[in-house]
Amino acid sequence: MSLIEALNWRYATKKMNGNKVPQEKVDQIVAAAHLAPTSSGLQPFKVIVVTNPELKEKIKAVAYGQSQVTDSSHLLIFAAWDNYTEERIRAVFARTNAERGVPDSATADYVNTLLGMYLNRTADENFHHAAKQAYIGFGVALAEAALLKVDATPMEGFEAGKLDELLGLDKLGLRSTTIMPLGYRDEAGDWLVNLKKVRTPLNDFVIEFK
């Protein structure tokens, strides 16, 4: 199945049937997020995987009662760095240089450029930039789920501050950005499942400069 076919198959599942997604498929979806491109390769986000039923119930309470949270097999939470710091940036390039077998001097100028850019921004500005990188990983994971015929619902409908507090994300230097329940559609109980997928006509969606 091509990616286009997979994207035509997927939809924002509103009701899941509670069936378990095989762990190898969940691992592939997480791996897709892990391999997603990010600015300067910094990967300024984490993916939190929740399967604990009690915890999912608590998350549902701060996600406006949306049933996908608790009906899901696995709940993925994408959480971005709360700030870019010198320690974090240097750690990424130290690991990269070590794995590539090059000295730190090989990337010193570039690292200094990044430090000059990020450290002059506010923590909120840096978080919003990191959140955009998390969204890239989120989108790649969503596409991989579709290719694997795993239903996934992209969700911003939750109280981020309360979710962060529930998970203790501040202690990890993270802030939640999006959540993605994974599971399988309830064909009989989901009002959206059989509705036609509608998008802006392609000729209105694409603007060309020739």
Protein backbone atom coordinates (compact mmCIF):
# COMPACT_ATOMS: atom_id res chain seq x y z
CA MET A 1 0.00 0.00 0.00
CA SER A 2 1.33 3.42 -0.95
CA LEU A 3 1.38 6.30 1.51
CA ILE A 4 -1.36 8.07 -0.48
CA GLU A 5 -3.56 4.96 -0.26
CA ALA A 6 -2.86 4.73 3.47
CA LEU A 7 -3.76 8.38 4.01
CA ASN A 8 -6.99 7.89 2.11
CA TRP A 9 -7.76 4.91 4.38
CA ARG A 10 -7.05 6.72 7.65
CA TYR A 11 -9.36 9.14 9.39
CA ALA A 12 -9.53 10.77 12.82
CA THR A 13 -11.03 7.78 14.60
CA LYS A 14 -13.67 8.85 17.11
CA LYS A 15 -14.46 5.46 18.65
CA MET A 16 -11.98 2.61 19.14
CA ASN A 17 -12.91 -0.98 19.92
CA GLY A 18 -10.33 -1.62 22.64
CA ASN A 19 -8.41 -4.29 20.73
CA LYS A 20 -4.68 -4.41 21.37
CA VAL A 21 -2.21 -3.19 18.76
CA PRO A 22 0.72 -5.64 18.42
CA GLN A 23 3.80 -4.28 20.17
CA GLU A 24 5.91 -4.57 17.03
CA LYS A 25 3.58 -2.17 15.24
CA VAL A 26 3.69 0.30 18.12
CA ASP A 27 7.48 0.05 18.04
CA GLN A 28 7.47 0.84 14.31
CA ILE A 29 5.26 3.88 14.83
CA VAL A 30 7.52 5.18 17.60
CA ALA A 31 10.58 4.44 15.45
CA ALA A 32 9.08 6.55 12.66
CA ALA A 33 8.79 9.50 15.05
CA HIS A 34 12.35 8.83 16.21
CA LEU A 35 13.64 8.98 12.63
CA ALA A 36 11.71 12.14 11.71
CA PRO A 37 13.77 15.14 10.62
CA THR A 38 14.28 17.97 13.09
CA SER A 39 16.03 21.33 12.95
CA SER A 40 19.81 20.80 13.24
CA GLY A 41 19.10 17.19 14.22
CA LEU A 42 18.43 18.25 17.80
CA GLN A 43 15.34 16.05 18.31
CA PRO A 44 13.97 18.39 20.99
CA PHE A 45 11.05 16.18 22.02
CA LYS A 46 10.19 12.86 23.62
CA VAL A 47 7.48 10.28 22.96
CA ILE A 48 5.74 8.97 26.07
CA VAL A 49 3.89 5.65 25.68
CA VAL A 50 1.03 5.02 28.10
CA THR A 51 -0.73 1.67 28.47
CA ASN A 52 -1.66 1.82 32.18
CA PRO A 53 -5.50 1.89 32.35
CA GLU A 54 -5.63 3.96 35.54
CA LEU A 55 -3.30 6.57 34.10
CA LYS A 56 -5.29 6.69 30.85
CA GLU A 57 -8.43 7.38 32.91
CA LYS A 58 -6.69 10.32 34.56
CA ILE A 59 -5.53 11.61 31.19
CA LYS A 60 -9.06 11.27 29.80
CA ALA A 61 -10.24 13.59 32.58
CA VAL A 62 -7.94 16.36 31.31
CA ALA A 63 -8.76 15.55 27.66
CA TYR A 64 -12.40 16.61 27.89
CA GLY A 65 -13.61 13.04 28.37
CA GLN A 66 -12.67 11.87 24.88
CA SER A 67 -13.16 8.10 24.83
CA GLN A 68 -10.28 7.38 22.44
CA VAL A 69 -7.87 7.99 25.31
CA THR A 70 -9.16 5.06 27.34
CA ASP A 71 -10.34 2.89 24.43
CA SER A 72 -6.91 3.05 22.83
CA SER A 73 -4.44 0.21 22.99
CA HIS A 74 -1.51 2.61 23.45
CA LEU A 75 -1.57 6.35 24.03
CA LEU A 76 1.36 8.32 22.63
CA ILE A 77 2.14 11.70 24.16
CA PHE A 78 4.51 14.01 22.30
CA ALA A 79 6.31 16.37 24.66
CA ALA A 80 8.77 19.06 23.55
CA TRP A 81 11.74 20.51 25.41
CA ASP A 82 10.66 23.44 27.54
CA ASN A 83 13.75 25.35 26.38
CA TYR A 84 16.96 25.02 24.39
CA THR A 85 19.93 25.11 26.73
CA GLU A 86 23.65 25.01 26.17
CA GLU A 87 23.85 21.68 27.97
CA ARG A 88 21.21 20.09 25.78
CA ILE A 89 22.65 21.39 22.52
CA ARG A 90 26.20 20.39 23.37
CA ALA A 91 25.06 16.93 24.49
CA VAL A 92 23.39 16.27 21.12
CA PHE A 93 26.49 17.19 19.14
CA ALA A 94 28.84 15.36 21.51
CA ARG A 95 26.85 12.17 20.90
CA THR A 96 26.67 12.79 17.16
CA ASN A 97 30.40 13.42 16.89
CA ALA A 98 31.22 10.35 18.98
CA GLU A 99 29.02 8.09 16.85
CA ARG A 100 30.48 9.51 13.63
CA GLY A 101 34.04 9.28 14.93
CA VAL A 102 34.84 12.96 14.45
CA PRO A 103 36.32 15.42 16.97
CA ASP A 104 34.11 18.01 18.66
CA SER A 105 36.10 20.66 16.83
CA ALA A 106 34.43 19.50 13.59
CA THR A 107 31.11 20.99 14.70
CA ALA A 108 32.33 23.68 17.11
CA ASP A 109 31.54 26.62 14.83
CA TYR A 110 28.06 25.34 14.06
CA VAL A 111 27.33 24.65 17.74
CA ASN A 112 28.43 28.17 18.65
CA THR A 113 26.12 29.55 15.98
CA LEU A 114 23.20 27.60 17.44
CA LEU A 115 24.03 28.73 20.96
CA GLY A 116 24.13 32.33 19.82
CA MET A 117 20.70 31.92 18.24
CA TYR A 118 18.79 29.89 20.83
CA LEU A 119 20.24 31.34 24.03
CA ASN A 120 19.16 34.83 22.99
CA ARG A 121 15.51 33.76 22.77
CA THR A 122 12.99 33.46 25.58
CA ALA A 123 12.09 30.04 26.95
CA ASP A 124 8.59 30.36 25.43
CA GLU A 125 10.03 31.17 21.99
CA ASN A 126 12.29 28.16 22.22
CA PHE A 127 9.48 25.90 23.40
CA HIS A 128 7.30 26.91 20.46
CA HIS A 129 10.16 26.12 18.09
CA ALA A 130 10.71 22.74 19.76
CA ALA A 131 6.96 22.06 19.57
CA LYS A 132 7.10 22.51 15.81
CA GLN A 133 9.78 19.83 15.66
CA ALA A 134 7.58 17.54 17.76
CA TYR A 135 4.79 18.07 15.24
CA ILE A 136 7.05 16.80 12.46
CA GLY A 137 7.60 13.59 14.40
CA PHE A 138 3.89 13.44 15.18
CA GLY A 139 2.98 13.65 11.51
CA VAL A 140 5.50 11.00 10.49
CA ALA A 141 4.19 8.67 13.22
CA LEU A 142 0.62 9.28 12.05
CA ALA A 143 1.59 8.32 8.50
CA GLU A 144 3.41 5.18 9.67
CA ALA A 145 0.36 4.14 11.67
CA ALA A 146 -1.77 4.47 8.52
CA LEU A 147 0.68 2.34 6.53
CA LEU A 148 0.41 -0.33 9.22
CA LYS A 149 -3.42 -0.11 9.21
CA VAL A 150 -3.42 1.07 12.81
CA ASP A 151 -5.98 3.73 13.62
CA ALA A 152 -4.60 6.88 15.22
CA THR A 153 -6.34 10.05 16.28
CA PRO A 154 -4.35 13.32 16.30
CA MET A 155 -5.49 15.25 19.35
CA GLU A 156 -4.80 18.73 20.68
CA GLY A 157 -7.97 18.71 22.75
CA PHE A 158 -6.53 18.41 26.24
CA GLU A 159 -5.43 20.71 29.05
CA ALA A 160 -1.69 20.74 28.55
CA GLY A 161 -0.81 22.28 31.89
CA LYS A 162 -2.82 19.66 33.78
CA LEU A 163 -1.37 16.83 31.70
CA ASP A 164 2.14 18.12 32.34
CA GLU A 165 1.42 18.20 36.06
CA LEU A 166 -0.10 14.72 36.03
CA LEU A 167 2.98 13.26 34.33
CA GLY A 168 5.54 15.40 36.14
CA LEU A 169 6.87 16.68 32.85
CA ASP A 170 8.30 19.85 34.39
CA LYS A 171 10.82 17.68 36.25
CA LEU A 172 11.93 16.31 32.88
CA GLY A 173 12.16 19.73 31.23
CA LEU A 174 9.25 18.91 28.93
CA ARG A 175 5.84 20.31 27.96
CA SER A 176 3.14 18.28 26.20
CA THR A 177 2.22 19.26 22.65
CA THR A 178 -0.06 16.57 21.20
CA ILE A 179 -1.46 13.14 22.01
CA MET A 180 -2.13 10.19 19.71
CA PRO A 181 -4.34 7.26 20.76
CA LEU A 182 -3.52 4.10 18.80
CA GLY A 183 -6.01 1.31 18.30
CA TYR A 184 -8.61 -0.04 15.92
CA ARG A 185 -11.82 1.61 14.78
CA ASP A 186 -15.18 0.55 16.15
CA GLU A 187 -16.99 0.09 12.84
CA ALA A 188 -20.43 -0.01 14.49
CA GLY A 189 -19.93 2.77 17.02
CA ASP A 190 -18.04 5.48 15.15
CA TRP A 191 -20.25 8.01 13.38
CA LEU A 192 -17.32 9.20 11.23
CA VAL A 193 -16.07 5.87 9.92
CA ASN A 194 -18.14 5.68 6.70
CA LEU A 195 -18.27 9.35 5.82
CA LYS A 196 -16.48 10.49 2.67
CA LYS A 197 -13.06 12.04 3.21
CA VAL A 198 -13.28 15.68 2.10
CA ARG A 199 -10.36 17.97 1.39
CA THR A 200 -9.92 21.33 -0.32
CA PRO A 201 -9.80 20.74 -4.10
CA LEU A 202 -6.18 20.26 -5.14
CA ASN A 203 -6.24 23.16 -7.59
CA ASP A 204 -7.31 25.44 -4.72
CA PHE A 205 -4.81 23.89 -2.31
CA VAL A 206 -1.69 24.27 -4.45
CA ILE A 207 -0.32 27.69 -5.43
CA GLU A 208 2.25 27.58 -8.20
CA PHE A 209 4.77 30.20 -9.26
CA LYS A 210 6.13 29.33 -12.70
